[in-house]
Amino acid sequence: METAIRRLCDSQGLAKLVGKAPAFVDAIKKLPAVAKSDGTVLIRGATGTGKELVARAVHYLSDRAPHPFVPVNCGSLSDTLLEDELFGHERGAFTDAHARRDGLIAQAEKGTLFLDEVDTLPAKAQVDLLRVLQDYRFRAVGSSVEHNVDVRIVAATNAPLDRLVDSGSFRADLYFRLCVFLISLPLLRERKEDVLLLAAHFLEKHAPTDRNWQFAPEASAALLSYDWPGNVRELENAIIRGIHLNETGSISVDDLDLPSSRASVPTASSKVPAKLQPFRTMKRQVIENFERDYLARLISEHRGNVSQAALTAGKERRNLGKLLKKYRLDPGLFRQPLRHRDG
């Protein structure tokens, strides 16, 4: 899997799939196999989890990679505009249609059409898209001729499509046509092990080359303890903000300007789950949350030095190492400044 994922071509301006957390690896491990098929793909995940990035991975890992990847946000277009955008139009099809124009489906010929926010498709567009998926044929607006098309459809949604089907607002037959392969992306708070990896990646991506960049220990701890309701996109925005608000090269908590960045190490009482569960379950969750946050700050303040961190914590180095491994906190991520590659 790792070899196949590395085939994503940075020279084409594609961001990398960054992460090693089990929840993330489990979600993407089938991408190489999915890419070998021409079956439709439905990517499900909250806003900011990287759905388009995964769609691009499917495209560039496939034999369609030399051909276009064409994205469209279905929620940004009105009913009329969406039909024209997808299928194109003939000259004279409507006022101001002075020339024939290919739609996005035709533009994606032999490549991939990515339909983001597919849950917002109006009823007529759902019917027309279903015809494309059934027969691989479409008709431009104002045309009496159908055209064959060779295109792969990858769709994404942050809405529960199965519930929309139950409510009658999304066609069941289209849902099952789109869902040959289903990829569900985890929230960033479900893959906390990847936060510092992603932060380092975004620092390398966005930071200028005029200095060596790093995160102050308390900033690393804040990154790990924050819940990231906006997911990976919010993390990237925080790193960009930290770069531009910083004047020294060492990004502080204040530079990140996170809602909870000025809080101290969270206490057990601040981490009690909102929904009541059995006492033993909630007690375990509170303890795990406290241990993870404490260890993150501890290893950050000691720059990844496990021996010094063990002395501060009053624990044997071996036992502290086991705890760090349990919470997948890699001391190596804290040892050296995160340097931007030479420009």
Protein backbone atom coordinates (compact mmCIF):
# COMPACT_ATOMS: atom_id res chain seq x y z
CA MET A 1 0.00 0.00 0.00
CA GLU A 2 2.73 2.47 0.98
CA THR A 3 4.52 2.03 -2.36
CA ALA A 4 1.32 2.67 -4.28
CA ILE A 5 0.40 5.72 -2.23
CA ARG A 6 3.82 7.23 -2.92
CA ARG A 7 2.93 7.28 -6.61
CA LEU A 8 0.99 10.46 -5.91
CA CYS A 9 2.97 12.97 -7.94
CA ASP A 10 4.08 16.07 -6.06
CA SER A 11 5.30 17.65 -9.31
CA GLN A 12 1.64 18.00 -10.33
CA GLY A 13 0.94 20.11 -7.25
CA LEU A 14 -0.78 17.36 -5.30
CA ALA A 15 -0.62 17.40 -1.52
CA LYS A 16 0.50 14.22 0.17
CA LEU A 17 -1.65 11.78 2.07
CA VAL A 18 -0.09 12.35 5.48
CA GLY A 19 -0.86 10.11 8.42
CA LYS A 20 -0.10 6.89 10.23
CA ALA A 21 -2.95 6.72 12.75
CA PRO A 22 -4.83 3.40 12.56
CA ALA A 23 -8.15 5.14 11.85
CA PHE A 24 -6.64 6.96 8.86
CA VAL A 25 -4.59 4.04 7.54
CA ASP A 26 -7.65 1.80 7.74
CA ALA A 27 -9.63 4.34 5.69
CA ILE A 28 -7.09 4.68 2.88
CA LYS A 29 -5.53 1.23 2.75
CA LYS A 30 -7.89 0.09 0.00
CA LEU A 31 -7.20 3.06 -2.30
CA PRO A 32 -4.74 1.21 -4.58
CA ALA A 33 -7.23 -1.61 -5.07
CA VAL A 34 -10.11 0.83 -5.61
CA ALA A 35 -8.03 2.73 -8.15
CA LYS A 36 -7.62 -0.39 -10.30
CA SER A 37 -11.38 -0.52 -10.82
CA ASP A 38 -13.57 1.83 -12.83
CA GLY A 39 -16.36 1.52 -10.27
CA THR A 40 -17.83 4.65 -8.74
CA VAL A 41 -16.51 5.81 -5.38
CA LEU A 42 -18.41 7.59 -2.61
CA ILE A 43 -16.19 9.39 -0.09
CA ARG A 44 -17.92 10.18 3.17
CA GLY A 45 -16.49 12.51 5.79
CA ALA A 46 -16.99 15.72 7.71
CA THR A 47 -15.96 19.08 6.27
CA GLY A 48 -12.18 19.46 6.22
CA THR A 49 -11.25 15.78 6.44
CA GLY A 50 -9.62 15.68 2.98
CA LYS A 51 -12.25 14.18 0.70
CA GLU A 52 -10.96 15.84 -2.49
CA LEU A 53 -7.40 14.81 -1.64
CA VAL A 54 -8.53 11.19 -1.43
CA ALA A 55 -10.46 11.55 -4.69
CA ARG A 56 -7.28 12.79 -6.35
CA ALA A 57 -5.42 9.82 -4.89
CA VAL A 58 -7.90 7.44 -6.50
CA HIS A 59 -7.44 9.22 -9.84
CA TYR A 60 -3.64 9.43 -9.80
CA LEU A 61 -3.20 5.85 -8.63
CA SER A 62 -5.32 4.65 -11.56
CA ASP A 63 -4.72 4.17 -15.27
CA ARG A 64 -6.71 7.37 -15.79
CA ALA A 65 -3.92 9.45 -14.25
CA PRO A 66 -2.70 10.90 -17.60
CA HIS A 67 -6.19 12.27 -18.26
CA PRO A 68 -8.11 15.11 -16.59
CA PHE A 69 -9.27 15.22 -12.99
CA VAL A 70 -12.25 17.57 -13.06
CA PRO A 71 -13.78 18.73 -9.74
CA VAL A 72 -17.15 20.41 -9.32
CA ASN A 73 -18.87 21.58 -6.16
CA CYS A 74 -22.51 20.68 -6.66
CA GLY A 75 -23.63 22.95 -3.85
CA SER A 76 -22.24 26.10 -5.43
CA LEU A 77 -24.43 26.05 -8.54
CA SER A 78 -28.13 26.60 -9.13
CA ASP A 79 -30.28 23.92 -10.77
CA THR A 80 -30.00 25.46 -14.25
CA LEU A 81 -26.30 26.25 -14.02
CA LEU A 82 -25.47 22.80 -12.69
CA GLU A 83 -27.10 21.07 -15.67
CA ASP A 84 -25.22 23.34 -18.06
CA GLU A 85 -21.95 22.84 -16.17
CA LEU A 86 -22.24 19.06 -16.20
CA PHE A 87 -23.60 18.45 -19.69
CA GLY A 88 -22.69 21.56 -21.67
CA HIS A 89 -24.93 23.17 -24.26
CA GLU A 90 -25.44 23.65 -27.97
CA ARG A 91 -25.38 27.00 -29.69
CA GLY A 92 -28.74 28.73 -29.30
CA ALA A 93 -29.86 26.47 -26.47
CA PHE A 94 -30.73 29.56 -24.42
CA THR A 95 -30.19 33.30 -24.39
CA ASP A 96 -26.49 34.18 -24.64
CA ALA A 97 -25.59 30.66 -25.80
CA HIS A 98 -23.68 32.05 -28.76
CA ALA A 99 -21.43 29.03 -29.14
CA ARG A 100 -21.39 25.34 -28.31
CA ARG A 101 -19.69 24.51 -25.02
CA ASP A 102 -18.57 21.17 -23.58
CA GLY A 103 -19.70 20.38 -20.05
CA LEU A 104 -17.54 18.99 -17.28
CA ILE A 105 -18.46 15.41 -18.13
CA ALA A 106 -17.09 15.81 -21.64
CA GLN A 107 -14.03 17.66 -20.29
CA ALA A 108 -13.30 14.71 -18.01
CA GLU A 109 -13.27 12.24 -20.92
CA LYS A 110 -11.08 9.22 -20.05
CA GLY A 111 -10.40 10.82 -16.67
CA THR A 112 -12.27 11.37 -13.41
CA LEU A 113 -15.18 13.65 -12.58
CA PHE A 114 -15.26 14.55 -8.88
CA LEU A 115 -18.69 15.59 -7.58
CA ASP A 116 -18.25 17.29 -4.21
CA GLU A 117 -21.34 17.82 -2.02
CA VAL A 118 -23.22 15.37 -4.23
CA ASP A 119 -26.04 15.38 -1.65
CA THR A 120 -27.04 18.87 -2.90
CA LEU A 121 -27.85 17.69 -6.44
CA PRO A 122 -31.38 18.79 -7.42
CA ALA A 123 -33.88 16.15 -8.49
CA LYS A 124 -33.49 16.61 -12.27
CA ALA A 125 -29.70 16.52 -12.08
CA GLN A 126 -29.95 13.29 -10.09
CA VAL A 127 -31.99 11.71 -12.89
CA ASP A 128 -29.55 12.90 -15.56
CA LEU A 129 -26.53 11.71 -13.59
CA LEU A 130 -28.16 8.33 -13.07
CA ARG A 131 -28.48 7.99 -16.85
CA VAL A 132 -24.77 8.71 -17.24
CA LEU A 133 -23.90 6.05 -14.67
CA GLN A 134 -26.26 3.49 -16.22
CA ASP A 135 -25.53 3.95 -19.92
CA TYR A 136 -22.42 6.18 -20.05
CA ARG A 137 -24.33 8.49 -22.34
CA PHE A 138 -25.45 12.10 -21.91
CA ARG A 139 -27.23 14.84 -23.84
CA ALA A 140 -26.09 18.46 -23.84
CA VAL A 141 -28.62 21.20 -23.09
CA GLY A 142 -30.47 22.06 -26.31
CA SER A 143 -29.22 18.97 -28.14
CA SER A 144 -31.21 16.11 -29.62
CA VAL A 145 -28.14 13.87 -29.91
CA GLU A 146 -26.73 11.66 -27.16
CA HIS A 147 -22.98 11.28 -26.72
CA ASN A 148 -21.01 8.37 -25.34
CA VAL A 149 -18.62 9.15 -22.50
CA ASP A 150 -15.74 7.32 -20.84
CA VAL A 151 -15.43 8.82 -17.38
CA ARG A 152 -15.12 7.65 -13.81
CA ILE A 153 -17.35 9.29 -11.21
CA VAL A 154 -16.05 9.92 -7.69
CA ALA A 155 -18.50 11.64 -5.35
CA ALA A 156 -18.16 13.09 -1.86
CA THR A 157 -20.58 14.05 0.86
CA ASN A 158 -20.57 15.23 4.45
CA ALA A 159 -24.25 14.34 4.78
CA PRO A 160 -25.72 10.90 5.64
CA LEU A 161 -26.92 9.94 2.15
CA ASP A 162 -28.68 6.83 3.42
CA ARG A 163 -30.88 9.03 5.63
CA LEU A 164 -31.54 11.38 2.71
CA VAL A 165 -32.66 8.34 0.73
CA ASP A 166 -35.02 7.37 3.56
CA SER A 167 -36.46 10.90 3.63
CA GLY A 168 -36.97 10.89 -0.14
CA SER A 169 -34.63 13.82 -0.91
CA PHE A 170 -32.01 11.64 -2.63
CA ARG A 171 -32.73 8.89 -5.13
CA ALA A 172 -32.06 5.39 -3.82
CA ASP A 173 -31.04 4.10 -7.25
CA LEU A 174 -28.48 6.91 -7.66
CA TYR A 175 -27.13 6.30 -4.15
CA PHE A 176 -26.45 2.65 -4.90
CA ARG A 177 -24.91 3.54 -8.27
CA LEU A 178 -22.53 5.97 -6.57
CA CYS A 179 -21.65 3.63 -3.73
CA VAL A 180 -19.81 0.80 -5.46
CA PHE A 181 -16.87 1.65 -3.20
CA LEU A 182 -17.37 3.53 0.06
CA ILE A 183 -14.52 5.34 1.81
CA SER A 184 -15.24 6.88 5.22
CA LEU A 185 -12.69 9.39 6.50
CA PRO A 186 -12.15 9.87 10.24
CA LEU A 187 -12.32 13.15 12.11
CA LEU A 188 -8.96 14.66 13.02
CA ARG A 189 -9.71 14.18 16.73
CA GLU A 190 -10.00 10.46 15.96
CA ARG A 191 -6.44 10.45 14.60
CA LYS A 192 -4.61 12.63 17.14
CA GLU A 193 -1.38 10.74 16.41
CA ASP A 194 -1.28 12.54 13.05
CA VAL A 195 -1.65 16.11 14.32
CA LEU A 196 2.07 16.86 14.63
CA LEU A 197 2.87 15.03 11.39
CA LEU A 198 0.31 17.16 9.58
CA ALA A 199 1.50 20.31 11.35
CA ALA A 200 5.07 19.64 10.19
CA HIS A 201 3.80 18.97 6.67
CA PHE A 202 1.87 22.25 6.54
CA LEU A 203 4.81 24.14 8.02
CA GLU A 204 7.03 22.79 5.24
CA LYS A 205 4.36 23.58 2.65
CA HIS A 206 3.62 27.17 3.67
CA ALA A 207 6.59 28.60 5.58
CA PRO A 208 9.02 30.91 3.76
CA THR A 209 12.65 29.87 3.56
CA ASP A 210 14.10 32.89 5.38
CA ARG A 211 14.52 31.07 8.70
CA ASN A 212 14.38 27.72 10.48
CA TRP A 213 10.88 27.07 11.74
CA GLN A 214 9.75 25.18 14.81
CA PHE A 215 6.85 24.89 17.25
CA ALA A 216 7.42 26.03 20.83
CA PRO A 217 6.79 23.16 23.30
CA GLU A 218 3.56 24.67 24.57
CA ALA A 219 2.38 25.14 20.98
CA SER A 220 2.93 21.44 20.22
CA ALA A 221 1.00 20.53 23.35
CA ALA A 222 -1.84 22.87 22.35
CA LEU A 223 -2.00 21.33 18.87
CA LEU A 224 -2.37 17.89 20.42
CA SER A 225 -4.92 18.84 23.06
CA TYR A 226 -7.24 20.86 20.78
CA ASP A 227 -10.25 18.96 19.39
CA TRP A 228 -10.12 20.38 15.82
CA PRO A 229 -13.83 20.71 14.96
CA GLY A 230 -12.77 21.93 11.50
CA ASN A 231 -10.51 18.89 11.03
CA VAL A 232 -7.41 18.95 8.82
CA ARG A 233 -8.48 22.14 7.06
CA GLU A 234 -8.67 23.98 10.38
CA LEU A 235 -5.23 22.67 11.34
CA GLU A 236 -3.74 23.92 8.07
CA ASN A 237 -5.33 27.33 8.64
CA ALA A 238 -3.85 27.44 12.16
CA ILE A 239 -0.36 26.71 10.82
CA ILE A 240 -0.69 29.38 8.12
CA ARG A 241 -1.88 31.82 10.79
CA GLY A 242 1.03 30.87 13.06
CA ILE A 243 3.56 31.46 10.30
CA HIS A 244 2.29 34.92 9.45
CA LEU A 245 1.77 36.08 13.03
CA ASN A 246 5.22 34.92 14.09
CA GLU A 247 8.37 37.05 13.95
CA THR A 248 11.02 34.70 15.36
CA GLY A 249 10.58 31.35 13.62
CA SER A 250 9.43 29.65 16.84
CA ILE A 251 5.64 29.43 16.62
CA SER A 252 3.98 30.03 19.96
CA VAL A 253 0.54 29.24 21.31
CA ASP A 254 -0.48 32.86 20.79
CA ASP A 255 0.59 32.68 17.13
CA LEU A 256 -1.74 29.71 16.54
CA ASP A 257 -4.62 31.67 18.10
CA LEU A 258 -6.68 28.58 18.87
CA PRO A 259 -9.88 28.96 20.93
CA SER A 260 -8.42 26.79 23.73
CA SER A 261 -4.74 27.59 23.19
CA ARG A 262 -4.35 29.55 26.41
CA ALA A 263 -5.65 26.75 28.60
CA SER A 264 -3.31 24.80 30.81
CA VAL A 265 -3.02 21.03 30.70
CA PRO A 266 -6.65 19.84 30.76
CA THR A 267 -7.83 18.38 34.03
CA ALA A 268 -9.94 15.27 34.33
CA SER A 269 -13.06 17.30 35.07
CA SER A 270 -12.68 19.30 31.84
CA LYS A 271 -12.66 16.14 29.77
CA VAL A 272 -15.79 14.37 31.01
CA PRO A 273 -17.78 13.18 27.97
CA ALA A 274 -21.04 15.04 27.43
CA LYS A 275 -23.13 11.88 27.05
CA LEU A 276 -23.42 9.72 30.13
CA GLN A 277 -22.05 6.22 29.79
CA PRO A 278 -21.35 3.47 32.33
CA PHE A 279 -19.18 4.76 35.19
CA ARG A 280 -16.26 2.46 34.41
CA THR A 281 -16.26 3.46 30.72
CA MET A 282 -16.32 7.19 31.49
CA LYS A 283 -13.63 6.85 34.14
CA ARG A 284 -11.36 5.10 31.65
CA GLN A 285 -11.96 7.79 29.02
CA VAL A 286 -11.22 10.61 31.46
CA ILE A 287 -7.98 8.95 32.57
CA GLU A 288 -6.89 8.30 28.98
CA ASN A 289 -7.63 11.90 27.97
CA PHE A 290 -5.66 13.25 30.91
CA GLU A 291 -2.69 10.93 30.29
CA ARG A 292 -2.55 11.80 26.60
CA ASP A 293 -2.65 15.55 27.20
CA TYR A 294 -0.18 15.41 30.09
CA LEU A 295 2.29 13.31 28.13
CA ALA A 296 2.01 15.58 25.09
CA ARG A 297 2.93 18.63 27.12
CA LEU A 298 5.62 16.75 29.06
CA ILE A 299 7.46 15.45 26.00
CA SER A 300 7.03 18.81 24.23
CA GLU A 301 8.62 20.77 27.06
CA HIS A 302 11.58 18.38 27.12
CA ARG A 303 12.04 18.48 23.33
CA GLY A 304 11.60 14.74 22.97
CA ASN A 305 14.15 13.84 25.65
CA VAL A 306 12.50 10.84 27.27
CA SER A 307 15.03 10.60 30.12
CA GLN A 308 14.50 14.19 31.24
CA ALA A 309 10.74 13.84 30.82
CA ALA A 310 10.77 10.71 33.00
CA LEU A 311 12.60 12.61 35.76
CA THR A 312 10.02 15.41 35.70
CA ALA A 313 7.15 12.91 35.72
CA GLY A 314 8.71 10.82 38.50
CA LYS A 315 8.52 7.68 36.40
CA GLU A 316 11.04 5.17 35.17
CA ARG A 317 12.19 5.88 31.61
CA ARG A 318 11.04 2.45 30.41
CA ASN A 319 7.56 2.91 31.84
CA LEU A 320 7.27 6.40 30.36
CA GLY A 321 8.33 5.00 27.01
CA LYS A 322 5.52 2.44 27.19
CA LEU A 323 3.00 5.20 27.89
CA LEU A 324 4.26 7.27 24.96
CA LYS A 325 3.98 4.22 22.73
CA LYS A 326 0.45 3.54 24.02
CA TYR A 327 -0.69 7.01 22.93
CA ARG A 328 1.46 6.96 19.78
CA LEU A 329 3.45 10.04 20.78
CA ASP A 330 6.72 9.86 18.88
CA PRO A 331 9.50 11.67 20.84
CA GLY A 332 11.36 12.18 17.55
CA LEU A 333 8.75 14.69 16.42
CA PHE A 334 9.72 16.95 19.32
CA ARG A 335 13.52 16.70 19.19
CA GLN A 336 14.54 19.05 16.42
CA PRO A 337 13.17 22.24 14.90
CA LEU A 338 10.79 21.57 12.01
CA ARG A 339 12.81 23.00 9.16
CA HIS A 340 11.47 24.17 5.85
CA ARG A 341 13.19 22.52 2.89
CA ASP A 342 15.62 24.66 0.96
CA GLY A 343 13.93 26.78 -1.66
